[in-house]
Amino acid sequence: MTLSPEESINKQGQVKVLVADGHWLFAKNTVTLLSSDPRIVSVGIAKNGRECLDMIHQSRPDVILLDIRFPDINGIKLIDQIKIARPEIKIIMMAELDQDGYVAASVKKAAEGLLYKDCSIREMIQAILKVAEGSNYYSPSSSIFPNMKIDFDDLHIPAKPVEILKKILNPEEKEIMGLLIKGLQNKEIASALGLSVRTVNEKVNIILLKFGVNTRLEAVLSWAHIKD
């Protein structure tokens, strides 16, 4: 299900969304529900990894709703391929409630968002618009995000290419990294950015998770290396 080139042109103010999911009925229903919001336009459905990689060039979506599992490829591995081919595309992983291990890996692989497949259409639209603007959206339903204490030792995820690392942080996270490099503590960062200390704590933990490191120092060293 792909729109014609004329139809896939991104109208002003609209976010182009590709639904990549091997479950056809779920994908079709998602497209139907998204069509109810004038701020979003669907550019098609990809039923497997190969179709997804083809369609990111043909339809040029702004956001992909990406299933975690496909018949031909693991969705986690597909994130790297998408980010290398089209690093500007935002990815929201679509997970089942029993897939928190994959969820953690998705965030480490630089997916901008996470939704569970039983989410409301309102939450889905909110997530799409938020990541399209350059922010992250991780479902409050996920059990892994309240304290962000995740062990990746058994996930065997290879180091991310520099091309991906350069795109891994959103503008707000980059601003926080700039203050971390200057040696500011979370309370000082919160004051400088007008955020609560709790919000800064959560955002710093997300940064650590994205880099796949355990300490602020490791994150600072990684970011300094990328900036060089």
Protein backbone atom coordinates (compact mmCIF):
# COMPACT_ATOMS: atom_id res chain seq x y z
CA MET A 1 0.00 0.00 0.00
CA THR A 2 1.96 2.99 -1.30
CA LEU A 3 0.79 6.43 -2.25
CA SER A 4 1.66 7.93 -5.62
CA PRO A 5 4.53 10.47 -5.75
CA GLU A 6 1.99 13.27 -5.95
CA GLU A 7 0.11 11.98 -2.90
CA SER A 8 3.26 11.35 -0.88
CA ILE A 9 4.41 14.98 -1.09
CA ASN A 10 4.57 16.32 2.43
CA LYS A 11 1.97 19.02 2.72
CA GLN A 12 2.86 21.98 4.90
CA GLY A 13 2.44 21.07 8.54
CA GLN A 14 1.94 17.36 7.90
CA VAL A 15 4.17 14.56 9.13
CA LYS A 16 4.72 11.70 6.68
CA VAL A 17 4.47 8.33 8.41
CA LEU A 18 5.46 4.88 7.16
CA VAL A 19 3.93 1.93 9.00
CA ALA A 20 6.38 -1.00 8.89
CA ASP A 21 4.70 -4.04 10.38
CA GLY A 22 4.40 -7.67 9.34
CA HIS A 23 0.90 -7.91 10.79
CA TRP A 24 -1.18 -6.63 7.89
CA LEU A 25 -4.44 -6.09 9.75
CA PHE A 26 -2.72 -4.14 12.53
CA ALA A 27 -0.83 -2.02 9.99
CA LYS A 28 -3.95 -1.33 7.90
CA ASN A 29 -5.97 -0.34 10.97
CA THR A 30 -3.15 1.92 12.11
CA VAL A 31 -3.13 3.74 8.77
CA THR A 32 -6.91 4.15 8.95
CA LEU A 33 -6.76 5.59 12.46
CA LEU A 34 -3.91 7.96 11.60
CA SER A 35 -5.90 9.33 8.67
CA SER A 36 -8.27 10.91 11.19
CA ASP A 37 -5.64 13.51 12.10
CA PRO A 38 -4.96 16.19 9.45
CA ARG A 39 -1.44 16.75 10.81
CA ILE A 40 -0.38 13.28 9.70
CA VAL A 41 -0.28 11.63 6.27
CA SER A 42 0.46 7.94 5.76
CA VAL A 43 2.86 7.13 2.92
CA GLY A 44 2.28 3.39 2.99
CA ILE A 45 2.77 0.03 4.67
CA ALA A 46 5.95 -2.05 4.60
CA LYS A 47 5.30 -5.73 5.38
CA ASN A 48 8.95 -6.70 5.88
CA GLY A 49 12.43 -5.27 6.26
CA ARG A 50 13.21 -5.21 2.55
CA GLU A 51 10.06 -3.24 1.75
CA CYS A 52 10.83 -0.85 4.58
CA LEU A 53 14.32 -0.08 3.23
CA ASP A 54 12.91 0.40 -0.28
CA MET A 55 10.13 2.70 0.91
CA ILE A 56 12.33 5.02 2.97
CA HIS A 57 13.84 6.11 -0.34
CA GLN A 58 10.65 6.02 -2.43
CA SER A 59 8.22 7.61 0.02
CA ARG A 60 10.72 9.57 2.16
CA PRO A 61 8.80 9.38 5.45
CA ASP A 62 9.52 11.67 8.39
CA VAL A 63 8.60 9.00 10.94
CA ILE A 64 8.50 5.20 10.83
CA LEU A 65 6.30 3.11 13.11
CA LEU A 66 8.57 0.06 13.19
CA ASP A 67 7.65 -3.41 14.37
CA ILE A 68 10.23 -5.18 16.52
CA ARG A 69 10.02 -8.44 14.58
CA PHE A 70 9.78 -9.18 10.85
CA PRO A 71 9.91 -12.48 8.93
CA ASP A 72 13.17 -11.49 7.20
CA ILE A 73 14.98 -9.37 9.82
CA ASN A 74 14.96 -8.38 13.46
CA GLY A 75 13.57 -4.88 13.80
CA ILE A 76 16.43 -3.96 16.15
CA LYS A 77 18.96 -4.66 13.39
CA LEU A 78 16.81 -2.75 10.93
CA ILE A 79 17.23 0.44 12.98
CA ASP A 80 20.93 0.63 12.08
CA GLN A 81 20.23 0.15 8.38
CA ILE A 82 17.57 2.86 8.39
CA LYS A 83 19.76 5.32 10.31
CA ILE A 84 22.71 4.80 7.97
CA ALA A 85 20.57 5.16 4.83
CA ARG A 86 18.36 8.01 6.07
CA PRO A 87 19.65 9.34 9.43
CA GLU A 88 17.05 12.12 9.53
CA ILE A 89 14.15 9.65 9.79
CA LYS A 90 12.65 9.32 13.26
CA ILE A 91 11.83 5.80 14.44
CA ILE A 92 9.12 4.75 16.88
CA MET A 93 9.34 1.09 17.85
CA MET A 94 6.05 -0.77 18.19
CA ALA A 95 6.33 -3.44 20.88
CA GLU A 96 4.26 -6.04 22.65
CA LEU A 97 3.97 -5.82 26.43
CA ASP A 98 6.33 -8.79 26.94
CA GLN A 99 9.19 -7.38 24.85
CA ASP A 100 11.00 -5.08 27.30
CA GLY A 101 14.36 -6.65 26.44
CA TYR A 102 13.88 -5.60 22.82
CA VAL A 103 12.60 -2.23 23.99
CA ALA A 104 15.84 -1.54 25.85
CA ALA A 105 17.86 -2.53 22.80
CA SER A 106 15.75 -0.23 20.61
CA VAL A 107 16.58 2.80 22.73
CA LYS A 108 20.24 1.93 22.75
CA LYS A 109 20.09 1.69 18.96
CA ALA A 110 18.84 5.30 18.79
CA ALA A 111 15.14 4.80 18.21
CA GLU A 112 13.44 8.08 19.08
CA GLY A 113 10.30 6.53 20.48
CA LEU A 114 8.54 3.52 21.88
CA LEU A 115 4.87 2.60 21.83
CA TYR A 116 3.07 -0.55 22.80
CA LYS A 117 0.66 -1.97 20.26
CA ASP A 118 -2.26 -1.63 22.63
CA CYS A 119 -1.76 2.14 22.95
CA SER A 120 -4.55 4.56 22.13
CA ILE A 121 -4.62 6.43 18.82
CA ARG A 122 -4.32 9.62 20.85
CA GLU A 123 -1.03 8.45 22.36
CA MET A 124 0.24 7.28 18.97
CA ILE A 125 -0.45 10.66 17.39
CA GLN A 126 1.16 12.43 20.33
CA ALA A 127 4.29 10.29 19.95
CA ILE A 128 4.51 10.86 16.19
CA LEU A 129 4.22 14.62 16.49
CA LYS A 130 6.70 14.75 19.36
CA VAL A 131 9.47 12.78 17.64
CA ALA A 132 8.86 14.66 14.38
CA GLU A 133 9.69 17.85 16.29
CA GLY A 134 13.00 16.39 17.47
CA SER A 135 12.02 15.09 20.90
CA ASN A 136 11.73 11.55 22.26
CA TYR A 137 8.62 9.69 23.31
CA TYR A 138 8.77 6.55 25.43
CA SER A 139 5.50 5.02 26.54
CA PRO A 140 4.78 5.50 30.26
CA SER A 141 3.52 1.89 30.19
CA SER A 142 7.05 0.54 29.86
CA SER A 143 8.39 -1.01 33.04
CA ILE A 144 11.99 -0.23 32.07
CA PHE A 145 11.78 3.55 32.11
CA PRO A 146 10.92 4.61 35.68
CA ASN A 147 14.54 4.23 36.84
CA MET A 148 16.30 3.31 33.58
CA LYS A 149 18.39 0.62 35.28
CA ILE A 150 18.98 -1.77 32.39
CA ASP A 151 21.70 -4.37 31.93
CA PHE A 152 22.77 -4.65 28.30
CA ASP A 153 25.53 -7.22 28.89
CA ASP A 154 23.48 -10.06 27.41
CA LEU A 155 22.10 -8.15 24.43
CA HIS A 156 25.32 -8.42 22.39
CA ILE A 157 24.71 -5.18 20.50
CA PRO A 158 27.72 -4.02 18.43
CA ALA A 159 29.11 -0.52 18.75
CA LYS A 160 27.12 2.05 16.82
CA PRO A 161 28.71 3.60 13.70
CA VAL A 162 29.85 7.20 14.05
CA GLU A 163 27.19 8.22 11.51
CA ILE A 164 24.52 7.04 13.95
CA LEU A 165 26.20 8.45 17.05
CA LYS A 166 26.24 11.90 15.48
CA LYS A 167 22.44 11.77 15.17
CA ILE A 168 21.70 9.95 18.41
CA LEU A 169 20.79 12.92 20.62
CA ASN A 170 17.97 15.38 20.09
CA PRO A 171 18.65 19.14 20.49
CA GLU A 172 17.68 19.22 24.18
CA GLU A 173 19.90 16.25 24.96
CA LYS A 174 22.78 17.90 23.11
CA GLU A 175 22.28 21.00 25.25
CA ILE A 176 22.41 18.86 28.38
CA MET A 177 25.58 17.18 27.13
CA GLY A 178 27.15 20.60 26.61
CA LEU A 179 26.49 21.41 30.27
CA LEU A 180 27.74 18.01 31.42
CA ILE A 181 30.99 18.63 29.57
CA LYS A 182 31.32 21.88 31.52
CA GLY A 183 31.08 19.87 34.73
CA LEU A 184 27.61 20.96 35.85
CA GLN A 185 25.64 18.67 38.14
CA ASN A 186 22.00 17.77 37.49
CA LYS A 187 20.68 20.39 39.91
CA GLU A 188 22.71 23.09 38.15
CA ILE A 189 21.58 21.86 34.73
CA ALA A 190 17.97 21.95 35.88
CA SER A 191 18.39 25.56 37.01
CA ALA A 192 20.11 26.57 33.77
CA LEU A 193 17.46 25.02 31.54
CA GLY A 194 14.39 25.75 33.64
CA LEU A 195 13.64 22.07 34.20
CA SER A 196 12.96 20.04 37.32
CA VAL A 197 15.83 18.01 38.77
CA ARG A 198 13.77 14.86 38.22
CA THR A 199 13.36 15.67 34.53
CA VAL A 200 17.09 16.24 34.14
CA ASN A 201 17.82 12.97 35.96
CA GLU A 202 15.56 11.11 33.52
CA LYS A 203 17.08 12.81 30.47
CA VAL A 204 20.64 12.11 31.63
CA ASN A 205 19.71 8.45 32.14
CA ILE A 206 18.27 8.32 28.63
CA ILE A 207 21.53 9.80 27.28
CA LEU A 208 23.55 7.13 29.10
CA LEU A 209 21.22 4.48 27.72
CA LYS A 210 21.54 5.76 24.16
CA PHE A 211 25.35 5.75 24.36
CA GLY A 212 25.37 2.35 26.04
CA VAL A 213 27.48 3.60 28.96
CA ASN A 214 27.06 3.53 32.73
CA THR A 215 28.55 6.82 33.90
CA ARG A 216 28.35 10.52 33.08
CA LEU A 217 32.10 10.56 32.46
CA GLU A 218 31.82 7.84 29.82
CA ALA A 219 29.03 9.80 28.13
CA VAL A 220 31.11 13.00 28.17
CA LEU A 221 34.12 11.21 26.69
CA SER A 222 31.96 9.60 23.99
CA TRP A 223 30.37 12.92 23.07
CA ALA A 224 33.73 14.73 23.03
CA HIS A 225 35.05 12.06 20.65
CA ILE A 226 32.07 12.49 18.33
CA LYS A 227 32.35 16.28 18.36
CA ASP A 228 36.01 15.99 17.38
